[in-house]
Amino acid sequence: MSEVRVRFAPSPTGPLHIGGVRTALYNYLFAKNKGGKMILRIEDTDQTRFVPGAEEYLIDALKWCGIELDESVVDGGEYGPYKQSERKAMYLPYAEQLVKDGFAYYAFDTSEELTAMRERMKAAGVPSPQYNSVTRTTMQNSLALSEDEVQKRLDAGDPYAIRIKMPRNEEVRLNDIIRGWVLVNTNNMDDKVIFKSDGMPTYHLANVVDDYTMKISHVIRGEEWLPSAPLHVLLYKYLGWENAMPEFAHLPLILKPDGNGKLSKRDGDRLGFPVFPTQWTNPETKETSSGYREGGYIKEAFINMLSFLGWNPGTTQEIFSMQELIEAFSLDRVGKAGAKFDFDKTRWFNQQYLRAKSGEVLAQDLQVILKENGVEADDKFVATVCEQLKERATFVKDMWEEGKYYFSAPTSYDEKTIRKKWKEDTPKYVLELKDRLAGLSDFSSENIEIEFKKYLEENELGMGKLLPAFRVSLTGLGMGPSLFDIASLLGKEETINRMEIALEKIN
């Protein structure tokens, strides 16, 4: 088998949807599993849809995701340039060769003439008018015009497009790795433009020429490109490259969580989750769309989640590192059916990855949030806070939102806990417990718990009689991690001080 070379070929027309990230990911996993190369090619043939900043966004997003490129506009490589607009000069000769060999033709039709043709066809009862073997004979092209007229127009510099000449009643066969045999009759295909009047190739020609000249071995892309695949097969055949044609694999769609259809930005806005890997700001409207990175997601969790949208390992294992994904990945375990996006499962993946990280690692991210909120805290202290809170958190920011009491005494107390658990005799018990704790020389979690339980036993009290009052005194909340761990971390002086303040404020 020759070297595996795959490419991710987005257009710089806006932010990268998570469906695009998944396509890039599957290409990357497949290439690395086979010891091959991952190429990023920017397909900017449609200059009218170019969005400033989109190319930089694409590259930054892939980098954050951990998808490493072997060849790209940034990394270079021996098959460059890696931007189609910089490859412009190479496409016309191939288009003209197709004309010369009788597989394509010059079309001089104006937009008005094309509109008139469609209206005539609709009036004749054709629901979807096409420029094809039937209509081409009535149009302004090199098949319908005389050779002299064609040459005259070319010499005069009349604008033209080049269209593929679709044969009548031929069967085009494609053996897709995921979908099996795909059969299409050319009577159902139109004479697509392969070279535009602005001097740029369309996606179809540029895509095939680039894949061939870059020695791409496998084309792994979304199923929205499946209808174009038979045309691409014909282009390989007509250009004499049939033996070098890559293998195709068309990936299933990522579907919206509710109902049917492809997941869109609108669904994310409606249901409250990002559909882009990183934050995107529209350069024209300045509207900002949220991203997983800025939302506090761990990139490994994001990638793990994405990998399961269409693929499964065939085992019960759900948590995979990137290296494990590379080792386990195969296209034969990618399904044909669309995969429903599950945002709750996305949060679950993040939770699992967060819990697996050490307090020291999590503390680095929490320190950033603390500094943003004007809090100065010792690294070791923050690491211990993270260890205590990580089982209850989905994001690092949750540790700040739910654990502010670690860094400052509460200014309010949970009303439900006060109403249900702070009884007439509670202040007496809290005061006596405070004095008992003040006498501890070793203020460890174990010793605090022993002293607390000893006090309950001596006073014949149940846990529910005093623990909620003790907790609300220290944290202001009715729930949280082990209270003895919290008290030990706060230290004796701070614990006693907070109990005294609570006795004053609550009473």
Protein backbone atom coordinates (compact mmCIF):
# COMPACT_ATOMS: atom_id res chain seq x y z
CA MET A 1 0.00 0.00 0.00
CA SER A 2 1.31 3.46 -0.91
CA GLU A 3 1.62 6.15 1.75
CA VAL A 4 -1.68 7.24 3.27
CA ARG A 5 -2.22 10.95 2.61
CA VAL A 6 -5.47 12.63 3.69
CA ARG A 7 -6.56 16.22 3.57
CA PHE A 8 -8.98 18.48 5.37
CA ALA A 9 -10.02 21.14 2.88
CA PRO A 10 -12.28 23.82 4.40
CA SER A 11 -13.33 27.09 2.77
CA PRO A 12 -12.51 30.33 4.64
CA THR A 13 -16.13 31.47 4.64
CA GLY A 14 -16.67 31.70 8.40
CA PRO A 15 -16.08 29.76 11.63
CA LEU A 16 -15.44 26.02 11.72
CA HIS A 17 -18.61 24.10 12.66
CA ILE A 18 -18.08 21.07 14.91
CA GLY A 19 -19.11 18.90 11.95
CA GLY A 20 -16.04 20.23 10.16
CA VAL A 21 -13.88 19.60 13.21
CA ARG A 22 -15.10 16.00 13.30
CA THR A 23 -14.22 15.59 9.60
CA ALA A 24 -10.72 16.92 10.35
CA LEU A 25 -10.48 14.64 13.40
CA TYR A 26 -11.47 11.48 11.49
CA ASN A 27 -8.96 12.34 8.75
CA TYR A 28 -6.27 12.84 11.39
CA LEU A 29 -7.07 9.64 13.31
CA PHE A 30 -7.14 7.59 10.10
CA ALA A 31 -3.84 9.03 8.85
CA LYS A 32 -2.02 8.53 12.14
CA ASN A 33 -3.44 5.01 12.54
CA LYS A 34 -1.92 4.17 9.14
CA GLY A 35 1.34 6.04 9.73
CA GLY A 36 0.34 8.58 7.08
CA LYS A 37 0.19 12.35 6.56
CA MET A 38 -2.46 14.94 7.44
CA ILE A 39 -2.74 17.91 5.08
CA LEU A 40 -4.70 21.15 5.49
CA ARG A 41 -5.69 22.76 2.20
CA ILE A 42 -7.59 26.04 2.08
CA GLU A 43 -10.22 25.92 -0.68
CA ASP A 44 -10.82 29.58 -1.50
CA THR A 45 -11.88 29.35 -5.15
CA ASP A 46 -15.13 31.20 -4.37
CA GLN A 47 -13.71 34.63 -3.62
CA THR A 48 -17.21 36.14 -3.26
CA ARG A 49 -17.73 34.19 -0.02
CA PHE A 50 -14.30 34.87 1.50
CA VAL A 51 -14.49 36.11 5.12
CA PRO A 52 -11.50 37.98 6.61
CA GLY A 53 -9.99 36.16 9.58
CA ALA A 54 -11.65 32.82 8.77
CA GLU A 55 -8.43 31.15 7.62
CA GLU A 56 -6.58 32.17 10.80
CA TYR A 57 -9.56 30.98 12.84
CA LEU A 58 -9.47 27.55 11.15
CA ILE A 59 -5.78 27.07 11.87
CA ASP A 60 -6.07 28.24 15.49
CA ALA A 61 -9.11 26.00 16.13
CA LEU A 62 -7.38 22.88 14.76
CA LYS A 63 -4.32 23.66 16.87
CA TRP A 64 -6.42 23.96 20.03
CA CYS A 65 -8.09 20.62 19.22
CA GLY A 66 -4.69 18.91 19.07
CA ILE A 67 -5.05 18.00 15.37
CA GLU A 68 -1.46 18.19 14.19
CA LEU A 69 -0.79 19.00 10.55
CA ASP A 70 2.03 17.58 8.45
CA GLU A 71 1.53 19.97 5.52
CA SER A 72 -0.38 23.27 5.39
CA VAL A 73 -0.20 26.96 4.58
CA VAL A 74 1.68 27.32 7.88
CA ASP A 75 3.81 24.17 7.88
CA GLY A 76 4.62 24.12 4.16
CA GLY A 77 5.38 20.88 2.34
CA GLU A 78 6.57 19.57 -1.01
CA TYR A 79 3.09 19.63 -2.63
CA GLY A 80 2.26 23.31 -2.03
CA PRO A 81 0.97 25.91 -2.34
CA TYR A 82 -1.74 24.80 0.10
CA LYS A 83 -4.19 27.57 -0.77
CA GLN A 84 -6.20 27.16 -3.97
CA SER A 85 -6.08 30.86 -4.89
CA GLU A 86 -2.27 30.52 -5.00
CA ARG A 87 -2.58 27.46 -7.29
CA LYS A 88 -4.77 29.36 -9.78
CA ALA A 89 -2.41 29.04 -12.75
CA MET A 90 -2.45 25.23 -12.72
CA TYR A 91 -6.18 24.62 -13.24
CA LEU A 92 -6.92 26.10 -16.69
CA PRO A 93 -4.62 23.70 -18.61
CA TYR A 94 -6.54 20.72 -17.17
CA ALA A 95 -9.89 22.31 -18.07
CA GLU A 96 -8.68 23.03 -21.61
CA GLN A 97 -7.35 19.48 -21.93
CA LEU A 98 -10.85 18.22 -21.12
CA VAL A 99 -12.26 20.48 -23.84
CA LYS A 100 -9.65 19.26 -26.34
CA ASP A 101 -10.42 15.61 -25.52
CA GLY A 102 -14.15 16.17 -25.97
CA PHE A 103 -15.11 15.80 -22.30
CA ALA A 104 -15.91 19.49 -21.70
CA TYR A 105 -16.92 22.58 -23.68
CA TYR A 106 -16.89 26.37 -23.64
CA ALA A 107 -20.18 27.98 -22.56
CA PHE A 108 -20.69 31.66 -23.40
CA ASP A 109 -24.20 31.95 -21.95
CA THR A 110 -25.03 35.15 -20.07
CA SER A 111 -26.91 35.05 -16.78
CA GLU A 112 -29.98 36.39 -18.63
CA GLU A 113 -29.80 33.56 -21.17
CA LEU A 114 -29.48 30.98 -18.40
CA THR A 115 -32.50 32.45 -16.61
CA ALA A 116 -34.54 32.41 -19.85
CA MET A 117 -33.65 28.74 -20.40
CA ARG A 118 -34.82 27.80 -16.91
CA GLU A 119 -38.08 29.70 -17.35
CA ARG A 120 -38.73 27.97 -20.71
CA MET A 121 -38.14 24.57 -19.12
CA LYS A 122 -40.43 25.34 -16.17
CA ALA A 123 -43.14 26.52 -18.57
CA ALA A 124 -42.76 23.19 -20.38
CA GLY A 125 -43.44 21.35 -17.11
CA VAL A 126 -39.86 20.53 -16.07
CA PRO A 127 -39.73 21.03 -12.26
CA SER A 128 -35.93 21.21 -11.96
CA PRO A 129 -34.42 22.68 -15.13
CA GLN A 130 -30.81 21.72 -15.79
CA TYR A 131 -28.07 22.57 -18.24
CA ASN A 132 -27.60 19.06 -19.65
CA SER A 133 -27.49 16.91 -22.76
CA VAL A 134 -31.03 17.99 -23.67
CA THR A 135 -30.79 21.76 -23.13
CA ARG A 136 -27.15 22.29 -24.17
CA THR A 137 -28.03 22.13 -27.87
CA THR A 138 -30.15 25.31 -27.58
CA MET A 139 -27.55 27.33 -25.67
CA GLN A 140 -24.54 29.52 -26.52
CA ASN A 141 -21.73 26.96 -26.24
CA SER A 142 -19.02 25.34 -28.33
CA LEU A 143 -21.19 22.27 -28.95
CA ALA A 144 -24.07 24.29 -30.43
CA LEU A 145 -22.08 27.05 -32.18
CA SER A 146 -19.89 26.64 -35.25
CA GLU A 147 -16.12 26.32 -34.83
CA ASP A 148 -15.63 29.71 -36.48
CA GLU A 149 -18.11 31.37 -34.13
CA VAL A 150 -16.45 29.77 -31.10
CA GLN A 151 -12.98 30.91 -32.21
CA LYS A 152 -14.29 34.38 -32.96
CA ARG A 153 -15.73 34.66 -29.44
CA LEU A 154 -12.55 33.34 -27.82
CA ASP A 155 -10.40 35.77 -29.86
CA ALA A 156 -12.70 38.65 -28.89
CA GLY A 157 -12.19 37.82 -25.24
CA ASP A 158 -15.87 37.06 -24.61
CA PRO A 159 -16.36 35.73 -21.07
CA TYR A 160 -16.94 31.99 -20.88
CA ALA A 161 -17.23 29.13 -18.45
CA ILE A 162 -16.10 25.58 -19.12
CA ARG A 163 -18.72 22.88 -18.48
CA ILE A 164 -18.24 19.14 -18.30
CA LYS A 165 -19.97 17.29 -21.12
CA MET A 166 -22.06 14.75 -19.27
CA PRO A 167 -22.57 11.55 -21.35
CA ARG A 168 -26.05 10.14 -21.98
CA ASN A 169 -27.27 7.13 -20.04
CA GLU A 170 -24.00 5.91 -18.47
CA GLU A 171 -23.75 4.33 -15.03
CA VAL A 172 -21.14 5.84 -12.70
CA ARG A 173 -20.01 3.48 -9.92
CA LEU A 174 -18.27 4.42 -6.69
CA ASN A 175 -17.32 2.01 -3.91
CA ASP A 176 -17.54 4.16 -0.78
CA ILE A 177 -15.72 2.78 2.30
CA ILE A 178 -18.66 3.65 4.58
CA ARG A 179 -21.66 3.35 2.24
CA GLY A 180 -20.66 0.58 -0.14
CA TRP A 181 -21.48 0.82 -3.83
CA VAL A 182 -23.04 4.07 -5.00
CA LEU A 183 -24.55 3.92 -8.52
CA VAL A 184 -25.73 7.02 -10.43
CA ASN A 185 -26.95 7.29 -14.01
CA THR A 186 -25.56 10.26 -15.93
CA ASN A 187 -29.07 11.10 -17.16
CA ASN A 188 -29.62 12.36 -13.59
CA MET A 189 -26.52 14.58 -13.71
CA ASP A 190 -26.10 18.02 -15.29
CA ASP A 191 -23.25 19.70 -17.15
CA LYS A 192 -21.60 21.29 -14.13
CA VAL A 193 -19.37 24.33 -14.56
CA ILE A 194 -15.79 23.24 -13.82
CA PHE A 195 -14.07 26.52 -14.70
CA LYS A 196 -15.68 29.92 -14.08
CA SER A 197 -15.62 33.07 -16.16
CA ASP A 198 -13.63 34.83 -13.40
CA GLY A 199 -10.63 32.63 -14.16
CA MET A 200 -11.06 30.38 -11.13
CA PRO A 201 -11.96 26.68 -11.14
CA THR A 202 -15.07 25.51 -9.35
CA TYR A 203 -14.77 23.22 -6.34
CA HIS A 204 -15.19 20.15 -8.53
CA LEU A 205 -12.20 20.64 -10.82
CA ALA A 206 -9.91 22.23 -8.22
CA ASN A 207 -10.70 19.48 -5.74
CA VAL A 208 -9.84 16.67 -8.15
CA VAL A 209 -6.71 18.37 -9.55
CA ASP A 210 -5.44 19.18 -6.05
CA ASP A 211 -6.13 15.71 -4.68
CA TYR A 212 -4.30 14.16 -7.63
CA THR A 213 -1.29 16.50 -7.61
CA MET A 214 -1.00 16.28 -3.81
CA LYS A 215 -1.12 12.47 -4.02
CA ILE A 216 -4.14 12.20 -1.71
CA SER A 217 -4.89 8.52 -1.06
CA HIS A 218 -8.22 8.82 0.80
CA VAL A 219 -10.93 11.49 0.64
CA ILE A 220 -12.81 11.48 3.95
CA ARG A 221 -15.53 14.16 3.94
CA GLY A 222 -19.13 14.87 4.94
CA GLU A 223 -22.04 13.14 3.23
CA GLU A 224 -23.19 16.47 1.76
CA TRP A 225 -20.47 15.89 -0.85
CA LEU A 226 -21.77 12.44 -1.83
CA PRO A 227 -23.94 13.81 -4.71
CA SER A 228 -20.77 15.40 -6.18
CA ALA A 229 -18.73 12.20 -5.97
CA PRO A 230 -19.91 10.66 -9.30
CA LEU A 231 -18.83 13.85 -11.11
CA HIS A 232 -15.43 13.61 -9.44
CA VAL A 233 -15.14 9.96 -10.51
CA LEU A 234 -15.80 11.04 -14.12
CA LEU A 235 -13.19 13.81 -13.89
CA TYR A 236 -10.58 11.29 -12.73
CA LYS A 237 -11.53 9.07 -15.65
CA TYR A 238 -11.52 11.87 -18.25
CA LEU A 239 -8.19 13.25 -17.03
CA GLY A 240 -6.62 9.78 -17.31
CA TRP A 241 -6.11 9.42 -13.57
CA GLU A 242 -8.45 6.51 -12.87
CA ASN A 243 -5.67 4.36 -11.43
CA ALA A 244 -4.66 7.17 -9.05
CA MET A 245 -8.19 7.94 -7.82
CA PRO A 246 -8.36 8.12 -4.01
CA GLU A 247 -10.69 5.95 -1.98
CA PHE A 248 -13.79 7.80 -0.79
CA ALA A 249 -15.50 7.77 2.61
CA HIS A 250 -18.53 10.00 3.17
CA LEU A 251 -19.23 10.64 6.84
CA PRO A 252 -22.75 10.79 8.35
CA LEU A 253 -24.23 14.13 9.41
CA ILE A 254 -24.22 15.43 12.98
CA LEU A 255 -27.91 15.91 13.74
CA LYS A 256 -29.68 18.37 16.02
CA PRO A 257 -30.52 16.99 19.50
CA ASP A 258 -34.27 17.41 19.01
CA GLY A 259 -36.11 16.64 15.79
CA ASN A 260 -34.50 15.93 12.45
CA GLY A 261 -31.93 17.69 10.35
CA LYS A 262 -28.33 18.82 10.48
CA LEU A 263 -27.06 20.53 13.63
CA SER A 264 -26.81 24.29 13.03
CA LYS A 265 -25.67 27.39 14.88
CA ARG A 266 -29.33 28.25 15.31
CA ASP A 267 -29.87 25.01 17.25
CA GLY A 268 -26.96 25.86 19.54
CA ASP A 269 -28.31 29.37 20.16
CA ARG A 270 -31.79 27.98 20.78
CA LEU A 271 -30.71 25.22 23.15
CA GLY A 272 -27.78 27.00 24.80
CA PHE A 273 -24.59 25.27 23.65
CA PRO A 274 -21.70 26.15 21.29
CA VAL A 275 -21.41 24.67 17.80
CA PHE A 276 -17.92 26.09 17.17
CA PRO A 277 -14.68 24.79 18.77
CA THR A 278 -13.46 28.29 19.66
CA GLN A 279 -15.12 31.68 19.93
CA TRP A 280 -15.82 33.48 16.66
CA THR A 281 -16.44 37.19 16.11
CA ASN A 282 -18.09 38.13 12.84
CA PRO A 283 -15.80 40.77 11.26
CA GLU A 284 -18.76 42.66 9.77
CA THR A 285 -21.47 42.54 12.44
CA LYS A 286 -19.05 42.10 15.39
CA GLU A 287 -21.48 39.46 16.69
CA THR A 288 -19.67 36.93 18.87
CA SER A 289 -20.49 33.21 18.84
CA SER A 290 -19.43 31.09 21.79
CA GLY A 291 -16.81 28.35 21.57
CA TYR A 292 -15.98 25.25 23.58
CA ARG A 293 -12.52 26.56 24.49
CA GLU A 294 -13.85 29.79 25.97
CA GLY A 295 -16.72 27.89 27.60
CA GLY A 296 -14.21 26.11 29.82
CA TYR A 297 -14.19 22.75 28.05
CA ILE A 298 -11.10 20.59 28.25
CA LYS A 299 -9.95 20.02 24.67
CA GLU A 300 -9.39 16.28 25.23
CA ALA A 301 -13.00 15.97 26.44
CA PHE A 302 -14.26 17.90 23.40
CA ILE A 303 -12.28 15.63 21.04
CA ASN A 304 -13.40 12.47 22.87
CA MET A 305 -17.02 13.58 22.54
CA LEU A 306 -16.64 14.40 18.83
CA SER A 307 -15.03 11.06 18.05
CA PHE A 308 -18.18 9.25 19.20
CA LEU A 309 -20.47 11.24 16.88
CA GLY A 310 -20.57 8.66 14.11
CA TRP A 311 -17.89 6.19 15.23
CA ASN A 312 -17.78 3.61 17.99
CA PRO A 313 -14.91 1.39 19.11
CA GLY A 314 -17.03 -1.74 19.37
CA THR A 315 -16.37 -1.95 23.13
CA THR A 316 -17.85 -0.36 26.26
CA GLN A 317 -14.88 1.98 26.68
CA GLU A 318 -15.87 5.64 26.43
CA ILE A 319 -12.86 7.61 27.70
CA PHE A 320 -10.06 7.72 25.12
CA SER A 321 -6.89 9.77 24.94
CA MET A 322 -5.92 11.03 21.50
CA GLN A 323 -3.33 8.26 21.22
CA GLU A 324 -5.93 5.64 22.17
CA LEU A 325 -8.30 7.06 19.56
CA ILE A 326 -5.56 6.82 16.94
CA GLU A 327 -4.93 3.18 17.83
CA ALA A 328 -8.63 2.22 17.92
CA PHE A 329 -9.94 4.19 14.94
CA SER A 330 -11.08 2.57 11.72
CA LEU A 331 -13.48 3.75 9.02
CA ASP A 332 -15.38 0.43 9.05
CA ARG A 333 -16.71 1.37 12.50
CA VAL A 334 -18.15 4.65 11.20
CA GLY A 335 -21.92 4.35 10.71
CA LYS A 336 -24.05 5.48 7.78
CA ALA A 337 -26.83 7.01 9.88
CA GLY A 338 -26.63 10.54 11.22
CA ALA A 339 -25.45 10.97 14.82
CA LYS A 340 -27.61 13.01 17.21
CA PHE A 341 -25.67 15.60 19.16
CA ASP A 342 -26.11 15.15 22.93
CA PHE A 343 -25.05 18.21 24.91
CA ASP A 344 -25.56 16.48 28.29
CA LYS A 345 -23.12 13.79 27.16
CA THR A 346 -20.67 16.52 26.14
CA ARG A 347 -20.82 17.93 29.67
CA TRP A 348 -20.39 14.41 31.08
CA PHE A 349 -17.18 13.94 29.07
CA ASN A 350 -15.84 17.22 30.43
CA GLN A 351 -16.72 16.16 33.96
CA GLN A 352 -14.83 12.86 33.58
CA TYR A 353 -11.72 14.60 32.25
CA LEU A 354 -11.84 17.26 34.95
CA ARG A 355 -12.08 14.65 37.71
CA ALA A 356 -9.10 12.78 36.27
CA LYS A 357 -6.85 15.85 36.50
CA SER A 358 -4.76 16.50 39.61
CA GLY A 359 -5.49 19.40 41.93
CA GLU A 360 -2.16 20.96 40.93
CA VAL A 361 -3.09 20.98 37.23
CA LEU A 362 -6.63 22.31 37.87
CA ALA A 363 -5.22 24.96 40.19
CA GLN A 364 -3.39 26.59 37.28
CA ASP A 365 -6.71 27.29 35.56
CA LEU A 366 -8.52 28.22 38.76
CA GLN A 367 -5.78 30.72 39.65
CA VAL A 368 -6.54 32.58 36.42
CA ILE A 369 -10.20 32.91 37.46
CA LEU A 370 -9.21 33.93 41.01
CA LYS A 371 -6.94 36.68 39.73
CA GLU A 372 -9.73 37.94 37.44
CA ASN A 373 -11.86 38.27 40.57
CA GLY A 374 -9.16 39.98 42.62
CA VAL A 375 -8.38 36.97 44.81
CA GLU A 376 -4.80 36.14 45.84
CA ALA A 377 -4.28 32.59 47.09
CA ASP A 378 -1.39 30.20 47.67
CA ASP A 379 -0.93 27.59 44.90
CA LYS A 380 -0.92 24.70 47.34
CA PHE A 381 -4.11 25.96 49.00
CA VAL A 382 -5.84 26.32 45.61
CA ALA A 383 -4.71 22.81 44.57
CA THR A 384 -6.31 21.37 47.72
CA VAL A 385 -9.51 23.32 47.02
CA CYS A 386 -9.57 21.76 43.54
CA GLU A 387 -9.12 18.26 44.98
CA GLN A 388 -12.05 18.85 47.34
CA LEU A 389 -14.35 20.34 44.70
CA LYS A 390 -13.54 18.47 41.47
CA GLU A 391 -15.97 15.61 42.11
CA ARG A 392 -18.79 18.17 42.22
CA ALA A 393 -17.70 20.27 39.22
CA THR A 394 -18.15 20.07 35.45
CA PHE A 395 -15.93 23.07 34.67
CA VAL A 396 -13.08 24.78 36.51
CA LYS A 397 -15.26 27.91 36.72
CA ASP A 398 -17.76 25.87 38.80
CA MET A 399 -15.12 25.60 41.51
CA TRP A 400 -15.08 29.38 41.81
CA GLU A 401 -18.84 29.78 41.62
CA GLU A 402 -19.54 27.03 44.16
CA GLY A 403 -16.41 27.40 46.29
CA LYS A 404 -16.10 31.15 46.95
CA TYR A 405 -16.34 30.38 50.67
CA TYR A 406 -12.83 28.90 50.54
CA PHE A 407 -11.44 32.34 49.78
CA SER A 408 -13.69 34.60 51.87
CA ALA A 409 -16.19 34.20 54.69
CA PRO A 410 -19.83 33.97 53.61
CA THR A 411 -21.85 37.18 53.65
CA SER A 412 -25.20 35.42 53.44
CA TYR A 413 -26.55 32.10 54.66
CA ASP A 414 -28.76 29.55 52.87
CA GLU A 415 -32.31 30.44 53.86
CA LYS A 416 -33.69 26.91 53.46
CA THR A 417 -31.02 25.47 55.80
CA ILE A 418 -31.60 28.23 58.38
CA ARG A 419 -35.37 27.74 58.26
CA LYS A 420 -35.23 23.96 58.59
CA LYS A 421 -32.11 23.31 60.67
CA TRP A 422 -31.30 26.41 62.75
CA LYS A 423 -33.51 25.83 65.80
CA GLU A 424 -33.80 27.67 69.10
CA ASP A 425 -31.12 25.53 70.73
CA THR A 426 -28.76 25.53 67.71
CA PRO A 427 -26.69 28.60 68.82
CA LYS A 428 -25.89 26.84 72.11
CA TYR A 429 -24.58 23.76 70.30
CA VAL A 430 -22.60 25.80 67.75
CA LEU A 431 -21.02 27.85 70.55
CA GLU A 432 -20.03 24.76 72.55
CA LEU A 433 -18.67 23.03 69.41
CA LYS A 434 -16.64 26.16 68.64
CA ASP A 435 -15.01 26.04 72.06
CA ARG A 436 -14.26 22.32 71.69
CA LEU A 437 -12.64 22.87 68.29
CA ALA A 438 -10.64 25.80 69.62
CA GLY A 439 -8.97 23.39 72.03
CA LEU A 440 -7.61 21.11 69.28
CA SER A 441 -3.84 21.29 68.89
CA ASP A 442 -3.89 19.24 65.65
CA PHE A 443 -6.56 20.75 63.39
CA SER A 444 -6.59 17.90 60.89
CA SER A 445 -9.74 16.70 59.15
CA GLU A 446 -9.62 13.43 61.12
CA ASN A 447 -9.31 15.16 64.48
CA ILE A 448 -12.09 17.65 63.70
CA GLU A 449 -14.41 14.76 62.76
CA ILE A 450 -13.50 12.79 65.92
CA GLU A 451 -14.14 15.84 68.13
CA PHE A 452 -17.40 16.64 66.33
CA LYS A 453 -18.77 13.10 66.71
CA LYS A 454 -17.57 12.96 70.31
CA TYR A 455 -19.54 16.13 71.06
CA LEU A 456 -22.66 14.69 69.40
CA GLU A 457 -22.36 11.48 71.42
CA GLU A 458 -21.87 13.28 74.73
CA ASN A 459 -24.94 15.44 74.07
CA GLU A 460 -26.99 12.62 72.55
CA LEU A 461 -27.44 14.55 69.29
CA GLY A 462 -28.00 13.20 65.81
CA MET A 463 -25.78 14.28 62.90
CA GLY A 464 -28.65 16.28 61.41
CA LYS A 465 -29.01 18.32 64.57
CA LEU A 466 -25.66 20.09 64.22
CA LEU A 467 -23.87 19.28 60.94
CA PRO A 468 -26.06 21.53 58.70
CA ALA A 469 -25.65 24.43 61.16
CA PHE A 470 -21.88 23.86 61.26
CA ARG A 471 -21.75 23.77 57.45
CA VAL A 472 -23.83 26.89 56.92
CA SER A 473 -21.66 28.72 59.48
CA LEU A 474 -18.47 27.98 57.53
CA THR A 475 -19.71 28.08 53.93
CA GLY A 476 -23.07 29.84 53.90
CA LEU A 477 -24.42 26.83 51.95
CA GLY A 478 -26.51 23.79 52.76
CA MET A 479 -24.42 21.35 50.73
CA GLY A 480 -20.83 20.78 49.67
CA PRO A 481 -17.73 18.59 50.05
CA SER A 482 -16.64 17.03 53.37
CA LEU A 483 -17.09 19.74 55.98
CA PHE A 484 -14.21 18.40 58.06
CA ASP A 485 -11.89 18.71 55.05
CA ILE A 486 -13.11 22.28 54.51
CA ALA A 487 -12.57 23.24 58.16
CA SER A 488 -9.08 21.73 58.21
CA LEU A 489 -8.10 23.59 55.04
CA LEU A 490 -9.49 26.90 56.36
CA GLY A 491 -7.54 26.40 59.56
CA LYS A 492 -8.55 26.73 63.19
CA GLU A 493 -8.49 30.52 63.41
CA GLU A 494 -10.66 31.06 60.31
CA THR A 495 -13.06 28.26 61.32
CA ILE A 496 -13.59 29.69 64.82
CA ASN A 497 -13.93 33.21 63.42
CA ARG A 498 -16.61 32.16 60.92
CA MET A 499 -18.59 30.32 63.59
CA GLU A 500 -18.56 33.43 65.75
CA ILE A 501 -19.72 35.64 62.86
CA ALA A 502 -22.51 33.17 62.01
CA LEU A 503 -23.74 33.20 65.62
CA GLU A 504 -23.97 36.98 65.46
CA LYS A 505 -25.56 37.28 62.03
CA ILE A 506 -28.01 34.38 62.09
CA ASN A 507 -29.33 35.24 65.53
